[in-house]
């Protein structure tokens, strides 16, 4: 089971996006683990290789180099598209994560 981590400020909007991603995964019978964590907690999970892909909320796009350094190239790290984050498009964000996992 692939593990997708969204890095956020543990805000309400990211938890709504996670729910929509999970709803879409269930609708297409895709087994994934999707969670959202604040940046400090996320770094520990990333460092310990407990996730397969890291998606950053728009507010954290400037911290991408820092997160990539923690990931040490062991997993993809990307910023969620503004339009998908803004519209809470769980399907598009899930498809983006799965595409990153295939690269």
PDB file of N, CA and C in Angstrom:
ATOM      1  N   UNK A   1       0.847  -1.174   0.000  1.00  0.00           N
ATOM      2  CA  UNK A   1       0.000   0.000   0.000  1.00  0.00           C
ATOM      3  C   UNK A   1       0.896   1.241   0.000  1.00  0.00           C
ATOM      4  N   UNK A   2       0.659   2.115  -0.950  1.00  0.00           N
ATOM      5  CA  UNK A   2       1.436   3.348  -1.054  1.00  0.00           C
ATOM      6  C   UNK A   2       0.956   4.362  -0.020  1.00  0.00           C
ATOM      7  N   UNK A   3       1.916   5.130   0.497  1.00  0.00           N
ATOM      8  CA  UNK A   3       1.610   6.124   1.522  1.00  0.00           C
ATOM      9  C   UNK A   3       1.878   7.519   0.982  1.00  0.00           C
ATOM     10  N   UNK A   4       0.834   8.337   0.976  1.00  0.00           N
ATOM     11  CA  UNK A   4       0.904   9.711   0.481  1.00  0.00           C
ATOM     12  C   UNK A   4       0.799  10.647   1.678  1.00  0.00           C
ATOM     13  N   UNK A   5       1.742  11.574   1.774  1.00  0.00           N
ATOM     14  CA  UNK A   5       1.751  12.526   2.883  1.00  0.00           C
ATOM     15  C   UNK A   5       1.588  13.940   2.355  1.00  0.00           C
ATOM     16  N   UNK A   6       0.605  14.649   2.875  1.00  0.00           N
ATOM     17  CA  UNK A   6       0.422  16.066   2.567  1.00  0.00           C
ATOM     18  C   UNK A   6       0.991  16.871   3.724  1.00  0.00           C
ATOM     19  N   UNK A   7       1.862  17.804   3.411  1.00  0.00           N
ATOM     20  CA  UNK A   7       2.465  18.655   4.432  1.00  0.00           C
ATOM     21  C   UNK A   7       1.685  19.957   4.476  1.00  0.00           C
ATOM     22  N   UNK A   8       1.265  20.306   5.682  1.00  0.00           N
ATOM     23  CA  UNK A   8       0.398  21.469   5.830  1.00  0.00           C
ATOM     24  C   UNK A   8       0.624  22.108   7.188  1.00  0.00           C
ATOM     25  N   UNK A   9      -0.225  23.045   7.496  1.00  0.00           N
ATOM     26  CA  UNK A   9      -0.203  23.666   8.815  1.00  0.00           C
ATOM     27  C   UNK A   9      -1.242  22.987   9.701  1.00  0.00           C
ATOM     28  N   UNK A  10      -1.620  21.762   9.319  1.00  0.00           N
ATOM     29  CA  UNK A  10      -2.650  20.985  10.017  1.00  0.00           C
ATOM     30  C   UNK A  10      -3.980  21.734  10.025  1.00  0.00           C
ATOM     31  N   UNK A  11      -4.246  22.431   8.932  1.00  0.00           N
ATOM     32  CA  UNK A  11      -5.465  23.219   8.819  1.00  0.00           C
ATOM     33  C   UNK A  11      -6.636  22.419   8.310  1.00  0.00           C
ATOM     34  N   UNK A  12      -7.786  23.027   8.374  1.00  0.00           N
ATOM     35  CA  UNK A  12      -9.027  22.385   7.980  1.00  0.00           C
ATOM     36  C   UNK A  12      -9.063  22.079   6.485  1.00  0.00           C
ATOM     37  N   UNK A  13      -8.523  22.971   5.678  1.00  0.00           N
ATOM     38  CA  UNK A  13      -8.606  22.763   4.231  1.00  0.00           C
ATOM     39  C   UNK A  13      -7.853  21.512   3.801  1.00  0.00           C
ATOM     40  N   UNK A  14      -6.711  21.244   4.379  1.00  0.00           N
ATOM     41  CA  UNK A  14      -5.955  20.061   3.982  1.00  0.00           C
ATOM     42  C   UNK A  14      -6.664  18.792   4.419  1.00  0.00           C
ATOM     43  N   UNK A  15      -7.285  18.790   5.575  1.00  0.00           N
ATOM     44  CA  UNK A  15      -8.008  17.595   6.007  1.00  0.00           C
ATOM     45  C   UNK A  15      -9.202  17.332   5.090  1.00  0.00           C
ATOM     46  N   UNK A  16      -9.829  18.382   4.576  1.00  0.00           N
ATOM     47  CA  UNK A  16     -10.915  18.200   3.610  1.00  0.00           C
ATOM     48  C   UNK A  16     -10.377  17.608   2.312  1.00  0.00           C
ATOM     49  N   UNK A  17      -9.205  18.073   1.883  1.00  0.00           N
ATOM     50  CA  UNK A  17      -8.602  17.547   0.663  1.00  0.00           C
ATOM     51  C   UNK A  17      -8.244  16.076   0.842  1.00  0.00           C
ATOM     52  N   UNK A  18      -7.676  15.719   1.989  1.00  0.00           N
ATOM     53  CA  UNK A  18      -7.349  14.319   2.269  1.00  0.00           C
ATOM     54  C   UNK A  18      -8.615  13.468   2.190  1.00  0.00           C
ATOM     55  N   UNK A  19      -9.703  13.937   2.785  1.00  0.00           N
ATOM     56  CA  UNK A  19     -10.956  13.182   2.743  1.00  0.00           C
ATOM     57  C   UNK A  19     -11.421  12.972   1.306  1.00  0.00           C
ATOM     58  N   UNK A  20     -11.325  13.998   0.489  1.00  0.00           N
ATOM     59  CA  UNK A  20     -11.754  13.866  -0.912  1.00  0.00           C
ATOM     60  C   UNK A  20     -10.836  12.923  -1.685  1.00  0.00           C
ATOM     61  N   UNK A  21      -9.552  12.944  -1.363  1.00  0.00           N
ATOM     62  CA  UNK A  21      -8.621  12.010  -1.997  1.00  0.00           C
ATOM     63  C   UNK A  21      -8.964  10.571  -1.604  1.00  0.00           C
ATOM     64  N   UNK A  22      -9.242  10.359  -0.325  1.00  0.00           N
ATOM     65  CA  UNK A  22      -9.611   9.023   0.156  1.00  0.00           C
ATOM     66  C   UNK A  22     -10.920   8.573  -0.486  1.00  0.00           C
ATOM     67  N   UNK A  23     -11.886   9.471  -0.577  1.00  0.00           N
ATOM     68  CA  UNK A  23     -13.165   9.138  -1.221  1.00  0.00           C
ATOM     69  C   UNK A  23     -12.945   8.684  -2.655  1.00  0.00           C
ATOM     70  N   UNK A  24     -12.084   9.395  -3.386  1.00  0.00           N
ATOM     71  CA  UNK A  24     -11.823   9.010  -4.775  1.00  0.00           C
ATOM     72  C   UNK A  24     -11.079   7.677  -4.837  1.00  0.00           C
ATOM     73  N   UNK A  25     -10.105   7.488  -3.954  1.00  0.00           N
ATOM     74  CA  UNK A  25      -9.366   6.218  -3.924  1.00  0.00           C
ATOM     75  C   UNK A  25     -10.325   5.054  -3.675  1.00  0.00           C
ATOM     76  N   UNK A  26     -11.243   5.231  -2.748  1.00  0.00           N
ATOM     77  CA  UNK A  26     -12.230   4.183  -2.466  1.00  0.00           C
ATOM     78  C   UNK A  26     -13.126   3.929  -3.672  1.00  0.00           C
ATOM     79  N   UNK A  27     -13.502   4.998  -4.365  1.00  0.00           N
ATOM     80  CA  UNK A  27     -14.392   4.874  -5.523  1.00  0.00           C
ATOM     81  C   UNK A  27     -13.753   4.072  -6.648  1.00  0.00           C
ATOM     82  N   UNK A  28     -12.424   4.131  -6.749  1.00  0.00           N
ATOM     83  CA  UNK A  28     -11.738   3.395  -7.821  1.00  0.00           C
ATOM     84  C   UNK A  28     -11.007   2.164  -7.278  1.00  0.00           C
ATOM     85  N   UNK A  29     -11.313   1.791  -6.039  1.00  0.00           N
ATOM     86  CA  UNK A  29     -10.718   0.616  -5.383  1.00  0.00           C
ATOM     87  C   UNK A  29      -9.197   0.661  -5.360  1.00  0.00           C
ATOM     88  N   UNK A  30      -8.657   1.820  -5.045  1.00  0.00           N
ATOM     89  CA  UNK A  30      -7.209   2.002  -4.955  1.00  0.00           C
ATOM     90  C   UNK A  30      -6.817   1.990  -3.485  1.00  0.00           C
ATOM     91  N   UNK A  31      -5.915   1.081  -3.133  1.00  0.00           N
ATOM     92  CA  UNK A  31      -5.481   0.975  -1.745  1.00  0.00           C
ATOM     93  C   UNK A  31      -4.292   1.890  -1.510  1.00  0.00           C
ATOM     94  N   UNK A  32      -4.538   2.988  -0.820  1.00  0.00           N
ATOM     95  CA  UNK A  32      -3.488   3.943  -0.464  1.00  0.00           C
ATOM     96  C   UNK A  32      -3.747   4.434   0.954  1.00  0.00           C
ATOM     97  N   UNK A  33      -2.687   4.900   1.575  1.00  0.00           N
ATOM     98  CA  UNK A  33      -2.791   5.531   2.883  1.00  0.00           C
ATOM     99  C   UNK A  33      -2.485   7.001   2.665  1.00  0.00           C
ATOM    100  N   UNK A  34      -3.426   7.867   2.978  1.00  0.00           N
ATOM    101  CA  UNK A  34      -3.258   9.305   2.757  1.00  0.00           C
ATOM    102  C   UNK A  34      -3.404  10.016   4.093  1.00  0.00           C
ATOM    103  N   UNK A  35      -2.417  10.850   4.408  1.00  0.00           N
ATOM    104  CA  UNK A  35      -2.476  11.592   5.667  1.00  0.00           C
ATOM    105  C   UNK A  35      -1.917  12.992   5.470  1.00  0.00           C
ATOM    106  N   UNK A  36      -2.209  13.850   6.434  1.00  0.00           N
ATOM    107  CA  UNK A  36      -1.691  15.221   6.430  1.00  0.00           C
ATOM    108  C   UNK A  36      -1.058  15.486   7.786  1.00  0.00           C
ATOM    109  N   UNK A  37       0.126  16.082   7.753  1.00  0.00           N
ATOM    110  CA  UNK A  37       0.843  16.402   8.985  1.00  0.00           C
ATOM    111  C   UNK A  37       1.454  17.789   8.900  1.00  0.00           C
ATOM    112  N   UNK A  38       1.646  18.385  10.052  1.00  0.00           N
ATOM    113  CA  UNK A  38       2.382  19.644  10.128  1.00  0.00           C
ATOM    114  C   UNK A  38       3.836  19.370   9.758  1.00  0.00           C
ATOM    115  N   UNK A  39       4.531  20.390   9.321  1.00  0.00           N
ATOM    116  CA  UNK A  39       5.870  20.217   8.762  1.00  0.00           C
ATOM    117  C   UNK A  39       6.852  19.551   9.729  1.00  0.00           C
ATOM    118  N   UNK A  40       6.830  19.900  11.001  1.00  0.00           N
ATOM    119  CA  UNK A  40       7.771  19.315  11.960  1.00  0.00           C
ATOM    120  C   UNK A  40       7.557  17.809  12.095  1.00  0.00           C
ATOM    121  N   UNK A  41       6.307  17.391  12.204  1.00  0.00           N
ATOM    122  CA  UNK A  41       5.982  15.968  12.291  1.00  0.00           C
ATOM    123  C   UNK A  41       6.291  15.258  10.982  1.00  0.00           C
ATOM    124  N   UNK A  42       6.002  15.921   9.888  1.00  0.00           N
ATOM    125  CA  UNK A  42       6.225  15.333   8.571  1.00  0.00           C
ATOM    126  C   UNK A  42       7.696  15.017   8.348  1.00  0.00           C
ATOM    127  N   UNK A  43       8.569  15.888   8.794  1.00  0.00           N
ATOM    128  CA  UNK A  43      10.006  15.667   8.598  1.00  0.00           C
ATOM    129  C   UNK A  43      10.457  14.351   9.215  1.00  0.00           C
ATOM    130  N   UNK A  44       9.935  14.016  10.376  1.00  0.00           N
ATOM    131  CA  UNK A  44      10.283  12.750  11.020  1.00  0.00           C
ATOM    132  C   UNK A  44       9.854  11.556  10.194  1.00  0.00           C
ATOM    133  N   UNK A  45       8.630  11.592   9.675  1.00  0.00           N
ATOM    134  CA  UNK A  45       8.120  10.497   8.837  1.00  0.00           C
ATOM    135  C   UNK A  45       8.938  10.368   7.556  1.00  0.00           C
ATOM    136  N   UNK A  46       9.297  11.516   6.978  1.00  0.00           N
ATOM    137  CA  UNK A  46      10.079  11.516   5.740  1.00  0.00           C
ATOM    138  C   UNK A  46      11.470  10.959   6.012  1.00  0.00           C
ATOM    139  N   UNK A  47      12.102  11.427   7.067  1.00  0.00           N
ATOM    140  CA  UNK A  47      13.453  10.981   7.419  1.00  0.00           C
ATOM    141  C   UNK A  47      13.499   9.476   7.666  1.00  0.00           C
ATOM    142  N   UNK A  48      12.449   8.939   8.267  1.00  0.00           N
ATOM    143  CA  UNK A  48      12.389   7.512   8.574  1.00  0.00           C
ATOM    144  C   UNK A  48      11.818   6.675   7.430  1.00  0.00           C
ATOM    145  N   UNK A  49      11.662   7.272   6.252  1.00  0.00           N
ATOM    146  CA  UNK A  49      11.145   6.581   5.062  1.00  0.00           C
ATOM    147  C   UNK A  49       9.786   5.924   5.308  1.00  0.00           C
ATOM    148  N   UNK A  50       8.912   6.615   6.019  1.00  0.00           N
ATOM    149  CA  UNK A  50       7.593   6.072   6.328  1.00  0.00           C
ATOM    150  C   UNK A  50       6.532   6.470   5.309  1.00  0.00           C
ATOM    151  N   UNK A  51       6.928   7.189   4.266  1.00  0.00           N
ATOM    152  CA  UNK A  51       5.988   7.602   3.224  1.00  0.00           C
ATOM    153  C   UNK A  51       6.614   7.346   1.856  1.00  0.00           C
ATOM    154  N   UNK A  52       5.770   7.313   0.831  1.00  0.00           N
ATOM    155  CA  UNK A  52       6.247   7.062  -0.532  1.00  0.00           C
ATOM    156  C   UNK A  52       6.274   8.310  -1.397  1.00  0.00           C
ATOM    157  N   UNK A  53       5.434   9.289  -1.079  1.00  0.00           N
ATOM    158  CA  UNK A  53       5.404  10.542  -1.831  1.00  0.00           C
ATOM    159  C   UNK A  53       4.971  11.661  -0.881  1.00  0.00           C
ATOM    160  N   UNK A  54       5.562  12.834  -1.070  1.00  0.00           N
ATOM    161  CA  UNK A  54       5.258  13.989  -0.222  1.00  0.00           C
ATOM    162  C   UNK A  54       4.692  15.104  -1.095  1.00  0.00           C
ATOM    163  N   UNK A  55       3.523  15.596  -0.710  1.00  0.00           N
ATOM    164  CA  UNK A  55       2.895  16.710  -1.414  1.00  0.00           C
ATOM    165  C   UNK A  55       2.813  17.895  -0.471  1.00  0.00           C
ATOM    166  N   UNK A  56       3.289  19.021  -0.935  1.00  0.00           N
ATOM    167  CA  UNK A  56       3.302  20.227  -0.118  1.00  0.00           C
ATOM    168  C   UNK A  56       2.111  21.111  -0.444  1.00  0.00           C
ATOM    169  N   UNK A  57       1.472  21.617   0.594  1.00  0.00           N
ATOM    170  CA  UNK A  57       0.436  22.618   0.410  1.00  0.00           C
ATOM    171  C   UNK A  57       1.069  23.890  -0.130  1.00  0.00           C
ATOM    172  N   UNK A  58       0.276  24.740  -0.747  1.00  0.00           N
ATOM    173  CA  UNK A  58       0.796  25.955  -1.387  1.00  0.00           C
ATOM    174  C   UNK A  58       1.594  26.837  -0.430  1.00  0.00           C
ATOM    175  N   UNK A  59       1.189  26.894   0.818  1.00  0.00           N
ATOM    176  CA  UNK A  59       1.887  27.741   1.789  1.00  0.00           C
ATOM    177  C   UNK A  59       3.312  27.270   2.049  1.00  0.00           C
ATOM    178  N   UNK A  60       3.590  26.015   1.736  1.00  0.00           N
ATOM    179  CA  UNK A  60       4.901  25.437   2.038  1.00  0.00           C
ATOM    180  C   UNK A  60       5.770  25.244   0.802  1.00  0.00           C
ATOM    181  N   UNK A  61       5.363  25.811  -0.324  1.00  0.00           N
ATOM    182  CA  UNK A  61       6.125  25.615  -1.558  1.00  0.00           C
ATOM    183  C   UNK A  61       7.553  26.133  -1.437  1.00  0.00           C
ATOM    184  N   UNK A  62       7.773  27.135  -0.605  1.00  0.00           N
ATOM    185  CA  UNK A  62       9.116  27.689  -0.452  1.00  0.00           C
ATOM    186  C   UNK A  62      10.012  26.781   0.388  1.00  0.00           C
ATOM    187  N   UNK A  63       9.422  25.800   1.049  1.00  0.00           N
ATOM    188  CA  UNK A  63      10.197  24.869   1.857  1.00  0.00           C
ATOM    189  C   UNK A  63      10.484  23.566   1.121  1.00  0.00           C
ATOM    190  N   UNK A  64      10.164  23.530  -0.153  1.00  0.00           N
ATOM    191  CA  UNK A  64      10.405  22.320  -0.934  1.00  0.00           C
ATOM    192  C   UNK A  64      11.872  21.900  -0.893  1.00  0.00           C
ATOM    193  N   UNK A  65      12.847  22.802  -1.084  1.00  0.00           N
ATOM    194  CA  UNK A  65      14.249  22.369  -1.020  1.00  0.00           C
ATOM    195  C   UNK A  65      14.617  21.750   0.334  1.00  0.00           C
ATOM    196  N   UNK A  66      14.073  22.297   1.394  1.00  0.00           N
ATOM    197  CA  UNK A  66      14.343  21.759   2.734  1.00  0.00           C
ATOM    198  C   UNK A  66      13.773  20.344   2.884  1.00  0.00           C
ATOM    199  N   UNK A  67      12.551  20.141   2.413  1.00  0.00           N
ATOM    200  CA  UNK A  67      11.918  18.822   2.488  1.00  0.00           C
ATOM    201  C   UNK A  67      12.645  17.837   1.577  1.00  0.00           C
ATOM    202  N   UNK A  68      13.061  18.287   0.404  1.00  0.00           N
ATOM    203  CA  UNK A  68      13.824  17.417  -0.500  1.00  0.00           C
ATOM    204  C   UNK A  68      15.129  16.981   0.148  1.00  0.00           C
ATOM    205  N   UNK A  69      15.758  17.865   0.906  1.00  0.00           N
ATOM    206  CA  UNK A  69      17.000  17.512   1.598  1.00  0.00           C
ATOM    207  C   UNK A  69      16.743  16.424   2.639  1.00  0.00           C
ATOM    208  N   UNK A  70      15.630  16.526   3.338  1.00  0.00           N
ATOM    209  CA  UNK A  70      15.276  15.501   4.327  1.00  0.00           C
ATOM    210  C   UNK A  70      14.976  14.178   3.618  1.00  0.00           C
ATOM    211  N   UNK A  71      14.298  14.245   2.482  1.00  0.00           N
ATOM    212  CA  UNK A  71      13.931  13.040   1.725  1.00  0.00           C
ATOM    213  C   UNK A  71      15.139  12.369   1.080  1.00  0.00           C
ATOM    214  N   UNK A  72      16.190  13.100   0.842  1.00  0.00           N
ATOM    215  CA  UNK A  72      17.436  12.581   0.262  1.00  0.00           C
ATOM    216  C   UNK A  72      17.216  11.790  -1.029  1.00  0.00           C
ATOM    217  N   UNK A  73      16.245  12.218  -1.828  1.00  0.00           N
ATOM    218  CA  UNK A  73      16.000  11.562  -3.108  1.00  0.00           C
ATOM    219  C   UNK A  73      15.322  10.209  -3.010  1.00  0.00           C
ATOM    220  N   UNK A  74      14.884   9.823  -1.828  1.00  0.00           N
ATOM    221  CA  UNK A  74      14.268   8.504  -1.633  1.00  0.00           C
ATOM    222  C   UNK A  74      12.790   8.470  -1.992  1.00  0.00           C
ATOM    223  N   UNK A  75      12.196   9.655  -2.155  1.00  0.00           N
ATOM    224  CA  UNK A  75      10.780   9.728  -2.502  1.00  0.00           C
ATOM    225  C   UNK A  75      10.523  11.043  -3.225  1.00  0.00           C
ATOM    226  N   UNK A  76       9.531  11.075  -4.102  1.00  0.00           N
ATOM    227  CA  UNK A  76       9.208  12.336  -4.771  1.00  0.00           C
ATOM    228  C   UNK A  76       8.618  13.353  -3.793  1.00  0.00           C
ATOM    229  N   UNK A  77       8.978  14.612  -4.019  1.00  0.00           N
ATOM    230  CA  UNK A  77       8.448  15.733  -3.246  1.00  0.00           C
ATOM    231  C   UNK A  77       7.940  16.753  -4.258  1.00  0.00           C
ATOM    232  N   UNK A  78       6.682  17.160  -4.137  1.00  0.00           N
ATOM    233  CA  UNK A  78       6.112  18.101  -5.107  1.00  0.00           C
ATOM    234  C   UNK A  78       5.110  19.017  -4.421  1.00  0.00           C
ATOM    235  N   UNK A  79       4.816  20.119  -5.096  1.00  0.00           N
ATOM    236  CA  UNK A  79       3.842  21.093  -4.601  1.00  0.00           C
ATOM    237  C   UNK A  79       2.511  20.844  -5.308  1.00  0.00           C
ATOM    238  N   UNK A  80       1.439  20.830  -4.546  1.00  0.00           N
ATOM    239  CA  UNK A  80       0.101  20.631  -5.103  1.00  0.00           C
ATOM    240  C   UNK A  80      -0.264  21.836  -5.966  1.00  0.00           C
ATOM    241  N   UNK A  81      -0.813  21.571  -7.138  1.00  0.00           N
ATOM    242  CA  UNK A  81      -1.240  22.644  -8.036  1.00  0.00           C
ATOM    243  C   UNK A  81      -2.244  23.557  -7.334  1.00  0.00           C
ATOM    244  N   UNK A  82      -2.079  24.854  -7.527  1.00  0.00           N
ATOM    245  CA  UNK A  82      -2.934  25.830  -6.854  1.00  0.00           C
ATOM    246  C   UNK A  82      -4.409  25.607  -7.167  1.00  0.00           C
ATOM    247  N   UNK A  83      -4.736  25.374  -8.429  1.00  0.00           N
ATOM    248  CA  UNK A  83      -6.149  25.213  -8.791  1.00  0.00           C
ATOM    249  C   UNK A  83      -6.746  23.962  -8.148  1.00  0.00           C
ATOM    250  N   UNK A  84      -5.962  22.897  -8.060  1.00  0.00           N
ATOM    251  CA  UNK A  84      -6.467  21.664  -7.454  1.00  0.00           C
ATOM    252  C   UNK A  84      -6.618  21.809  -5.944  1.00  0.00           C
ATOM    253  N   UNK A  85      -5.666  22.494  -5.327  1.00  0.00           N
ATOM    254  CA  UNK A  85      -5.759  22.727  -3.882  1.00  0.00           C
ATOM    255  C   UNK A  85      -6.921  23.676  -3.579  1.00  0.00           C
ATOM    256  N   UNK A  86      -7.031  24.721  -4.360  1.00  0.00           N
ATOM    257  CA  UNK A  86      -8.076  25.720  -4.129  1.00  0.00           C
ATOM    258  C   UNK A  86      -9.483  25.193  -4.316  1.00  0.00           C
ATOM    259  N   UNK A  87      -9.648  24.257  -5.249  1.00  0.00           N
ATOM    260  CA  UNK A  87     -10.972  23.687  -5.502  1.00  0.00           C
ATOM    261  C   UNK A  87     -11.185  22.371  -4.759  1.00  0.00           C
ATOM    262  N   UNK A  88     -10.189  21.975  -3.957  1.00  0.00           N
ATOM    263  CA  UNK A  88     -10.258  20.718  -3.190  1.00  0.00           C
ATOM    264  C   UNK A  88     -10.534  19.535  -4.119  1.00  0.00           C
ATOM    265  N   UNK A  89      -9.814  19.503  -5.243  1.00  0.00           N
ATOM    266  CA  UNK A  89     -10.007  18.462  -6.240  1.00  0.00           C
ATOM    267  C   UNK A  89      -9.214  17.217  -5.837  1.00  0.00           C
ATOM    268  N   UNK A  90      -9.822  16.400  -4.995  1.00  0.00           N
ATOM    269  CA  UNK A  90      -9.167  15.197  -4.494  1.00  0.00           C
ATOM    270  C   UNK A  90      -8.762  14.236  -5.587  1.00  0.00           C
ATOM    271  N   UNK A  91      -9.578  14.116  -6.620  1.00  0.00           N
ATOM    272  CA  UNK A  91      -9.258  13.221  -7.726  1.00  0.00           C
ATOM    273  C   UNK A  91      -7.972  13.662  -8.414  1.00  0.00           C
ATOM    274  N   UNK A  92      -7.862  14.935  -8.739  1.00  0.00           N
ATOM    275  CA  UNK A  92      -6.678  15.437  -9.442  1.00  0.00           C
ATOM    276  C   UNK A  92      -5.423  15.311  -8.583  1.00  0.00           C
ATOM    277  N   UNK A  93      -5.534  15.603  -7.293  1.00  0.00           N
ATOM    278  CA  UNK A  93      -4.364  15.522  -6.414  1.00  0.00           C
ATOM    279  C   UNK A  93      -3.933  14.066  -6.244  1.00  0.00           C
ATOM    280  N   UNK A  94      -4.887  13.157  -6.125  1.00  0.00           N
ATOM    281  CA  UNK A  94      -4.553  11.735  -6.027  1.00  0.00           C
ATOM    282  C   UNK A  94      -3.886  11.255  -7.315  1.00  0.00           C
ATOM    283  N   UNK A  95      -4.421  11.646  -8.456  1.00  0.00           N
ATOM    284  CA  UNK A  95      -3.820  11.260  -9.737  1.00  0.00           C
ATOM    285  C   UNK A  95      -2.408  11.829  -9.869  1.00  0.00           C
ATOM    286  N   UNK A  96      -2.191  13.046  -9.392  1.00  0.00           N
ATOM    287  CA  UNK A  96      -0.869  13.674  -9.402  1.00  0.00           C
ATOM    288  C   UNK A  96       0.103  12.861  -8.548  1.00  0.00           C
ATOM    289  N   UNK A  97      -0.330  12.473  -7.360  1.00  0.00           N
ATOM    290  CA  UNK A  97       0.518  11.675  -6.465  1.00  0.00           C
ATOM    291  C   UNK A  97       0.868  10.336  -7.102  1.00  0.00           C
ATOM    292  N   UNK A  98      -0.107   9.685  -7.702  1.00  0.00           N
ATOM    293  CA  UNK A  98       0.141   8.378  -8.316  1.00  0.00           C
ATOM    294  C   UNK A  98       1.079   8.509  -9.512  1.00  0.00           C
ATOM    295  N   UNK A  99       0.959   9.591 -10.261  1.00  0.00           N
ATOM    296  CA  UNK A  99       1.871   9.839 -11.384  1.00  0.00           C
ATOM    297  C   UNK A  99       3.302  10.005 -10.870  1.00  0.00           C
ATOM    298  N   UNK A 100       3.468  10.743  -9.780  1.00  0.00           N
ATOM    299  CA  UNK A 100       4.801  10.929  -9.195  1.00  0.00           C
ATOM    300  C   UNK A 100       5.401   9.595  -8.759  1.00  0.00           C
ATOM    301  N   UNK A 101       4.572   8.713  -8.257  1.00  0.00           N
ATOM    302  CA  UNK A 101       5.053   7.409  -7.803  1.00  0.00           C
ATOM    303  C   UNK A 101       5.521   6.531  -8.956  1.00  0.00           C
ATOM    304  N   UNK A 102       5.012   6.784 -10.158  1.00  0.00           N
ATOM    305  CA  UNK A 102       5.388   5.984 -11.322  1.00  0.00           C
ATOM    306  C   UNK A 102       6.648   6.478 -12.002  1.00  0.00           C
ATOM    307  N   UNK A 103       7.079   7.693 -11.672  1.00  0.00           N
ATOM    308  CA  UNK A 103       8.257   8.269 -12.342  1.00  0.00           C
ATOM    309  C   UNK A 103       9.537   7.666 -11.811  1.00  0.00           C
TER     310      UNK A 103
END
